[in-house]
């Protein structure tokens, strides 16, 4: 006696299992594109964030079973790699998942859940962008410390001069600048903060 094949849970067809449904591939790509869109647009200074929110919170036009599959896929935890700070982040929107099983949701409840998931993704990536910006700012500050503020060349391995105010310069730039200032004004100041470094004393 042959076992009857269950209908596909996505498209209801009886000719194939859910895992082989061609519509599943379409919805998998949709989920991937949604994640990619959020990764590419959320939290960036040159983006209208209201436009981003409106774009991703538009519920796909599909049947209830398909929407259930999309929502279930979006609730799966995945990892995001940031090339800006070489760090992996865990993207988890499961905190918005209600206690009631997804299969018992009405279509309207699924649509509302979809929007909550999208907004959670946005919140997560806003935090990631802030973390990236903090890292990049720190990197810039460290790079500036290893750079002569006058010629903007690296001072690693070079002879340097550090003023009493704590600013460092490569020796050739420092002495050239100091001498030029003394010749013109009789005193020299730090090129960064203008603190007096040297001053000619009157002989009289």
C-alpha atoms as a PDB file:
ATOM      1  CA  UNK A   1       0.000   0.000   0.000  1.00  0.00           C
ATOM      2  CA  UNK A   2       1.612   3.232  -1.113  1.00  0.00           C
ATOM      3  CA  UNK A   3       1.831   6.212   1.173  1.00  0.00           C
ATOM      4  CA  UNK A   4       0.064   9.338  -0.034  1.00  0.00           C
ATOM      5  CA  UNK A   5       2.371  12.282  -0.638  1.00  0.00           C
ATOM      6  CA  UNK A   6       1.587  15.328   1.485  1.00  0.00           C
ATOM      7  CA  UNK A   7       0.865  18.530  -0.336  1.00  0.00           C
ATOM      8  CA  UNK A   8       3.685  21.079  -0.477  1.00  0.00           C
ATOM      9  CA  UNK A   9       3.300  23.403   2.515  1.00  0.00           C
ATOM     10  CA  UNK A  10       4.210  26.433   0.372  1.00  0.00           C
ATOM     11  CA  UNK A  11       2.252  26.088  -2.868  1.00  0.00           C
ATOM     12  CA  UNK A  12      -0.161  23.229  -1.876  1.00  0.00           C
ATOM     13  CA  UNK A  13       0.870  21.130  -4.896  1.00  0.00           C
ATOM     14  CA  UNK A  14       0.719  17.367  -4.391  1.00  0.00           C
ATOM     15  CA  UNK A  15       3.400  16.589  -6.984  1.00  0.00           C
ATOM     16  CA  UNK A  16       6.443  17.457  -4.883  1.00  0.00           C
ATOM     17  CA  UNK A  17       7.683  17.903  -1.325  1.00  0.00           C
ATOM     18  CA  UNK A  18       8.228  21.321   0.218  1.00  0.00           C
ATOM     19  CA  UNK A  19      12.016  20.983  -0.094  1.00  0.00           C
ATOM     20  CA  UNK A  20      11.737  20.705  -3.879  1.00  0.00           C
ATOM     21  CA  UNK A  21       9.238  23.515  -4.401  1.00  0.00           C
ATOM     22  CA  UNK A  22      10.427  26.020  -7.009  1.00  0.00           C
ATOM     23  CA  UNK A  23       8.604  28.767  -5.107  1.00  0.00           C
ATOM     24  CA  UNK A  24      10.759  28.009  -2.085  1.00  0.00           C
ATOM     25  CA  UNK A  25      13.816  29.016  -4.100  1.00  0.00           C
ATOM     26  CA  UNK A  26      12.104  32.289  -4.990  1.00  0.00           C
ATOM     27  CA  UNK A  27      11.314  33.039  -1.353  1.00  0.00           C
ATOM     28  CA  UNK A  28      14.825  32.059  -0.248  1.00  0.00           C
ATOM     29  CA  UNK A  29      16.178  34.608  -2.719  1.00  0.00           C
ATOM     30  CA  UNK A  30      13.670  37.150  -1.426  1.00  0.00           C
ATOM     31  CA  UNK A  31      14.882  36.635   2.154  1.00  0.00           C
ATOM     32  CA  UNK A  32      18.503  36.917   0.991  1.00  0.00           C
ATOM     33  CA  UNK A  33      17.759  40.112  -0.927  1.00  0.00           C
ATOM     34  CA  UNK A  34      15.982  41.646   2.077  1.00  0.00           C
ATOM     35  CA  UNK A  35      18.967  40.956   4.311  1.00  0.00           C
ATOM     36  CA  UNK A  36      21.354  42.314   1.687  1.00  0.00           C
ATOM     37  CA  UNK A  37      19.286  45.479   1.276  1.00  0.00           C
ATOM     38  CA  UNK A  38      19.328  46.102   5.025  1.00  0.00           C
ATOM     39  CA  UNK A  39      23.084  45.440   5.223  1.00  0.00           C
ATOM     40  CA  UNK A  40      23.735  47.851   2.343  1.00  0.00           C
ATOM     41  CA  UNK A  41      21.475  50.731   3.401  1.00  0.00           C
ATOM     42  CA  UNK A  42      20.737  50.839   7.131  1.00  0.00           C
ATOM     43  CA  UNK A  43      22.668  53.275   9.300  1.00  0.00           C
ATOM     44  CA  UNK A  44      24.584  54.962   6.483  1.00  0.00           C
ATOM     45  CA  UNK A  45      24.974  58.741   6.600  1.00  0.00           C
ATOM     46  CA  UNK A  46      24.040  59.194   2.944  1.00  0.00           C
ATOM     47  CA  UNK A  47      20.773  57.255   3.172  1.00  0.00           C
ATOM     48  CA  UNK A  48      17.259  58.445   4.007  1.00  0.00           C
ATOM     49  CA  UNK A  49      16.462  56.043   6.845  1.00  0.00           C
ATOM     50  CA  UNK A  50      12.709  56.658   6.599  1.00  0.00           C
ATOM     51  CA  UNK A  51      12.887  55.508   2.986  1.00  0.00           C
ATOM     52  CA  UNK A  52      14.820  52.404   4.048  1.00  0.00           C
ATOM     53  CA  UNK A  53      12.220  51.549   6.698  1.00  0.00           C
ATOM     54  CA  UNK A  54       9.341  52.027   4.268  1.00  0.00           C
ATOM     55  CA  UNK A  55      11.082  49.897   1.647  1.00  0.00           C
ATOM     56  CA  UNK A  56      11.777  46.847   3.818  1.00  0.00           C
ATOM     57  CA  UNK A  57       8.509  46.940   5.765  1.00  0.00           C
ATOM     58  CA  UNK A  58       6.371  46.381   2.679  1.00  0.00           C
ATOM     59  CA  UNK A  59       4.900  42.905   3.195  1.00  0.00           C
ATOM     60  CA  UNK A  60       5.390  40.615   0.165  1.00  0.00           C
ATOM     61  CA  UNK A  61       2.192  39.857  -1.732  1.00  0.00           C
ATOM     62  CA  UNK A  62       1.808  36.118  -1.345  1.00  0.00           C
ATOM     63  CA  UNK A  63      -0.422  33.472   0.191  1.00  0.00           C
ATOM     64  CA  UNK A  64      -0.467  32.763   3.910  1.00  0.00           C
ATOM     65  CA  UNK A  65       1.652  29.595   3.680  1.00  0.00           C
ATOM     66  CA  UNK A  66       4.317  31.379   1.652  1.00  0.00           C
ATOM     67  CA  UNK A  67       4.371  34.263   4.129  1.00  0.00           C
ATOM     68  CA  UNK A  68       4.677  31.760   6.962  1.00  0.00           C
ATOM     69  CA  UNK A  69       7.742  30.278   5.237  1.00  0.00           C
ATOM     70  CA  UNK A  70       9.287  33.748   4.726  1.00  0.00           C
ATOM     71  CA  UNK A  71       8.711  34.755   8.360  1.00  0.00           C
ATOM     72  CA  UNK A  72      10.129  31.453   9.622  1.00  0.00           C
ATOM     73  CA  UNK A  73      13.233  31.927   7.444  1.00  0.00           C
ATOM     74  CA  UNK A  74      13.735  35.493   8.681  1.00  0.00           C
ATOM     75  CA  UNK A  75      13.643  34.302  12.289  1.00  0.00           C
ATOM     76  CA  UNK A  76      16.606  31.987  11.709  1.00  0.00           C
ATOM     77  CA  UNK A  77      19.797  33.330  13.296  1.00  0.00           C
ATOM     78  CA  UNK A  78      22.541  34.197  10.809  1.00  0.00           C
ATOM     79  CA  UNK A  79      25.976  35.818  10.941  1.00  0.00           C
ATOM     80  CA  UNK A  80      27.067  39.088   9.360  1.00  0.00           C
ATOM     81  CA  UNK A  81      30.711  39.930   8.684  1.00  0.00           C
ATOM     82  CA  UNK A  82      31.680  43.594   8.787  1.00  0.00           C
ATOM     83  CA  UNK A  83      34.612  44.456   6.498  1.00  0.00           C
ATOM     84  CA  UNK A  84      34.969  47.778   8.327  1.00  0.00           C
ATOM     85  CA  UNK A  85      36.115  46.320  11.641  1.00  0.00           C
ATOM     86  CA  UNK A  86      36.750  42.673  10.674  1.00  0.00           C
ATOM     87  CA  UNK A  87      34.122  41.483  13.127  1.00  0.00           C
ATOM     88  CA  UNK A  88      31.341  38.899  13.005  1.00  0.00           C
ATOM     89  CA  UNK A  89      27.902  39.820  14.342  1.00  0.00           C
ATOM     90  CA  UNK A  90      25.065  37.461  15.221  1.00  0.00           C
ATOM     91  CA  UNK A  91      21.811  38.668  13.678  1.00  0.00           C
ATOM     92  CA  UNK A  92      18.983  37.370  15.840  1.00  0.00           C
ATOM     93  CA  UNK A  93      15.425  38.696  15.558  1.00  0.00           C
ATOM     94  CA  UNK A  94      13.875  35.866  17.565  1.00  0.00           C
ATOM     95  CA  UNK A  95      13.057  38.224  20.449  1.00  0.00           C
ATOM     96  CA  UNK A  96      10.043  39.493  18.465  1.00  0.00           C
ATOM     97  CA  UNK A  97       8.716  35.958  17.998  1.00  0.00           C
ATOM     98  CA  UNK A  98       5.471  35.387  19.928  1.00  0.00           C
ATOM     99  CA  UNK A  99       4.901  32.340  22.105  1.00  0.00           C
ATOM    100  CA  UNK A 100       2.146  31.091  19.818  1.00  0.00           C
ATOM    101  CA  UNK A 101       3.470  28.770  17.067  1.00  0.00           C
ATOM    102  CA  UNK A 102       3.919  30.425  13.664  1.00  0.00           C
ATOM    103  CA  UNK A 103       1.585  27.875  12.094  1.00  0.00           C
ATOM    104  CA  UNK A 104      -1.322  29.107  14.197  1.00  0.00           C
ATOM    105  CA  UNK A 105      -1.020  32.738  13.114  1.00  0.00           C
ATOM    106  CA  UNK A 106      -3.597  34.370  10.901  1.00  0.00           C
ATOM    107  CA  UNK A 107      -2.288  36.040   7.766  1.00  0.00           C
ATOM    108  CA  UNK A 108      -2.735  39.470   9.358  1.00  0.00           C
ATOM    109  CA  UNK A 109      -0.725  38.337  12.386  1.00  0.00           C
ATOM    110  CA  UNK A 110       1.998  37.054  10.061  1.00  0.00           C
ATOM    111  CA  UNK A 111       2.072  40.392   8.249  1.00  0.00           C
ATOM    112  CA  UNK A 112       2.442  42.265  11.548  1.00  0.00           C
ATOM    113  CA  UNK A 113       5.161  39.853  12.650  1.00  0.00           C
ATOM    114  CA  UNK A 114       6.989  40.381   9.344  1.00  0.00           C
ATOM    115  CA  UNK A 115       7.050  44.155   9.939  1.00  0.00           C
ATOM    116  CA  UNK A 116       8.319  43.684  13.518  1.00  0.00           C
ATOM    117  CA  UNK A 117      11.119  41.433  12.271  1.00  0.00           C
ATOM    118  CA  UNK A 118      12.169  43.997   9.671  1.00  0.00           C
ATOM    119  CA  UNK A 119      12.223  46.778  12.260  1.00  0.00           C
ATOM    120  CA  UNK A 120      14.280  44.564  14.572  1.00  0.00           C
ATOM    121  CA  UNK A 121      16.796  43.955  11.778  1.00  0.00           C
ATOM    122  CA  UNK A 122      17.011  47.709  11.242  1.00  0.00           C
ATOM    123  CA  UNK A 123      17.630  48.315  14.969  1.00  0.00           C
ATOM    124  CA  UNK A 124      20.357  45.658  14.989  1.00  0.00           C
ATOM    125  CA  UNK A 125      22.151  47.168  11.998  1.00  0.00           C
ATOM    126  CA  UNK A 126      21.911  50.695  13.377  1.00  0.00           C
ATOM    127  CA  UNK A 127      23.852  49.402  16.408  1.00  0.00           C
ATOM    128  CA  UNK A 128      26.340  47.634  14.129  1.00  0.00           C
ATOM    129  CA  UNK A 129      26.952  50.839  12.153  1.00  0.00           C
ATOM    130  CA  UNK A 130      27.590  52.757  15.400  1.00  0.00           C
ATOM    131  CA  UNK A 131      30.063  50.070  16.459  1.00  0.00           C
ATOM    132  CA  UNK A 132      31.792  50.276  13.067  1.00  0.00           C
ATOM    133  CA  UNK A 133      32.032  54.072  13.262  1.00  0.00           C
ATOM    134  CA  UNK A 134      33.570  53.921  16.754  1.00  0.00           C
ATOM    135  CA  UNK A 135      36.148  51.430  15.495  1.00  0.00           C
ATOM    136  CA  UNK A 136      37.002  53.480  12.396  1.00  0.00           C
ATOM    137  CA  UNK A 137      37.290  56.684  14.445  1.00  0.00           C
ATOM    138  CA  UNK A 138      39.702  54.955  16.806  1.00  0.00           C
ATOM    139  CA  UNK A 139      41.711  53.680  13.831  1.00  0.00           C
ATOM    140  CA  UNK A 140      41.907  57.197  12.378  1.00  0.00           C
ATOM    141  CA  UNK A 141      43.051  58.650  15.696  1.00  0.00           C
ATOM    142  CA  UNK A 142      45.755  55.995  16.033  1.00  0.00           C
ATOM    143  CA  UNK A 143      46.857  56.608  12.445  1.00  0.00           C
ATOM    144  CA  UNK A 144      47.112  60.335  13.116  1.00  0.00           C
ATOM    145  CA  UNK A 145      49.351  59.633  16.102  1.00  0.00           C
ATOM    146  CA  UNK A 146      51.760  57.812  13.779  1.00  0.00           C
ATOM    147  CA  UNK A 147      51.699  60.631  11.216  1.00  0.00           C
ATOM    148  CA  UNK A 148      53.587  63.900  11.117  1.00  0.00           C
ATOM    149  CA  UNK A 149      50.900  66.638  11.197  1.00  0.00           C
ATOM    150  CA  UNK A 150      53.026  68.859   8.950  1.00  0.00           C
ATOM    151  CA  UNK A 151      54.047  66.628   6.042  1.00  0.00           C
ATOM    152  CA  UNK A 152      51.438  63.906   6.737  1.00  0.00           C
ATOM    153  CA  UNK A 153      54.074  61.195   6.309  1.00  0.00           C
ATOM    154  CA  UNK A 154      54.500  58.258   8.687  1.00  0.00           C
ATOM    155  CA  UNK A 155      56.874  58.930  11.579  1.00  0.00           C
ATOM    156  CA  UNK A 156      57.417  55.252  12.349  1.00  0.00           C
ATOM    157  CA  UNK A 157      61.153  54.584  12.402  1.00  0.00           C
ATOM    158  CA  UNK A 158      61.899  58.287  11.879  1.00  0.00           C
ATOM    159  CA  UNK A 159      63.614  60.772  14.169  1.00  0.00           C
ATOM    160  CA  UNK A 160      60.911  62.776  15.887  1.00  0.00           C
ATOM    161  CA  UNK A 161      60.479  65.783  18.137  1.00  0.00           C
ATOM    162  CA  UNK A 162      57.748  65.995  20.749  1.00  0.00           C
ATOM    163  CA  UNK A 163      56.674  69.339  22.163  1.00  0.00           C
ATOM    164  CA  UNK A 164      55.854  69.965  25.820  1.00  0.00           C
ATOM    165  CA  UNK A 165      52.189  70.011  24.827  1.00  0.00           C
ATOM    166  CA  UNK A 166      52.559  66.389  23.694  1.00  0.00           C
ATOM    167  CA  UNK A 167      52.458  66.677  19.895  1.00  0.00           C
ATOM    168  CA  UNK A 168      55.014  64.778  17.812  1.00  0.00           C
ATOM    169  CA  UNK A 169      56.524  65.718  14.448  1.00  0.00           C
ATOM    170  CA  UNK A 170      59.262  64.341  12.232  1.00  0.00           C
ATOM    171  CA  UNK A 171      62.490  66.172  13.069  1.00  0.00           C
ATOM    172  CA  UNK A 172      63.095  67.821   9.644  1.00  0.00           C
ATOM    173  CA  UNK A 173      59.579  69.321   9.572  1.00  0.00           C
ATOM    174  CA  UNK A 174      59.744  70.428  13.192  1.00  0.00           C
ATOM    175  CA  UNK A 175      63.093  72.223  12.979  1.00  0.00           C
ATOM    176  CA  UNK A 176      62.248  73.830   9.625  1.00  0.00           C
ATOM    177  CA  UNK A 177      58.930  75.124  10.973  1.00  0.00           C
ATOM    178  CA  UNK A 178      60.429  76.328  14.257  1.00  0.00           C
ATOM    179  CA  UNK A 179      63.245  78.206  12.517  1.00  0.00           C
ATOM    180  CA  UNK A 180      60.856  79.788  10.021  1.00  0.00           C
ATOM    181  CA  UNK A 181      58.576  81.001  12.811  1.00  0.00           C
ATOM    182  CA  UNK A 182      61.487  82.420  14.857  1.00  0.00           C
ATOM    183  CA  UNK A 183      62.864  84.238  11.805  1.00  0.00           C
ATOM    184  CA  UNK A 184      59.460  85.788  11.094  1.00  0.00           C
ATOM    185  CA  UNK A 185      58.015  86.421  14.560  1.00  0.00           C
ATOM    186  CA  UNK A 186      60.823  85.900  17.041  1.00  0.00           C
ATOM    187  CA  UNK A 187      59.058  82.930  18.572  1.00  0.00           C
ATOM    188  CA  UNK A 188      57.740  79.544  17.530  1.00  0.00           C
ATOM    189  CA  UNK A 189      54.523  77.784  18.444  1.00  0.00           C
ATOM    190  CA  UNK A 190      53.261  74.228  18.147  1.00  0.00           C
ATOM    191  CA  UNK A 191      51.820  73.829  14.630  1.00  0.00           C
ATOM    192  CA  UNK A 192      48.802  72.053  16.111  1.00  0.00           C
ATOM    193  CA  UNK A 193      47.731  73.872  19.269  1.00  0.00           C
ATOM    194  CA  UNK A 194      49.794  77.106  19.037  1.00  0.00           C
ATOM    195  CA  UNK A 195      51.424  76.594  22.435  1.00  0.00           C
ATOM    196  CA  UNK A 196      54.704  78.578  22.578  1.00  0.00           C
ATOM    197  CA  UNK A 197      57.695  76.292  22.083  1.00  0.00           C
ATOM    198  CA  UNK A 198      60.638  78.697  21.701  1.00  0.00           C
ATOM    199  CA  UNK A 199      61.019  82.440  22.085  1.00  0.00           C
ATOM    200  CA  UNK A 200      63.945  84.781  21.478  1.00  0.00           C
ATOM    201  CA  UNK A 201      64.961  86.612  24.649  1.00  0.00           C
ATOM    202  CA  UNK A 202      65.984  90.250  24.431  1.00  0.00           C
ATOM    203  CA  UNK A 203      69.646  90.940  25.289  1.00  0.00           C
ATOM    204  CA  UNK A 204      68.716  94.224  26.957  1.00  0.00           C
END
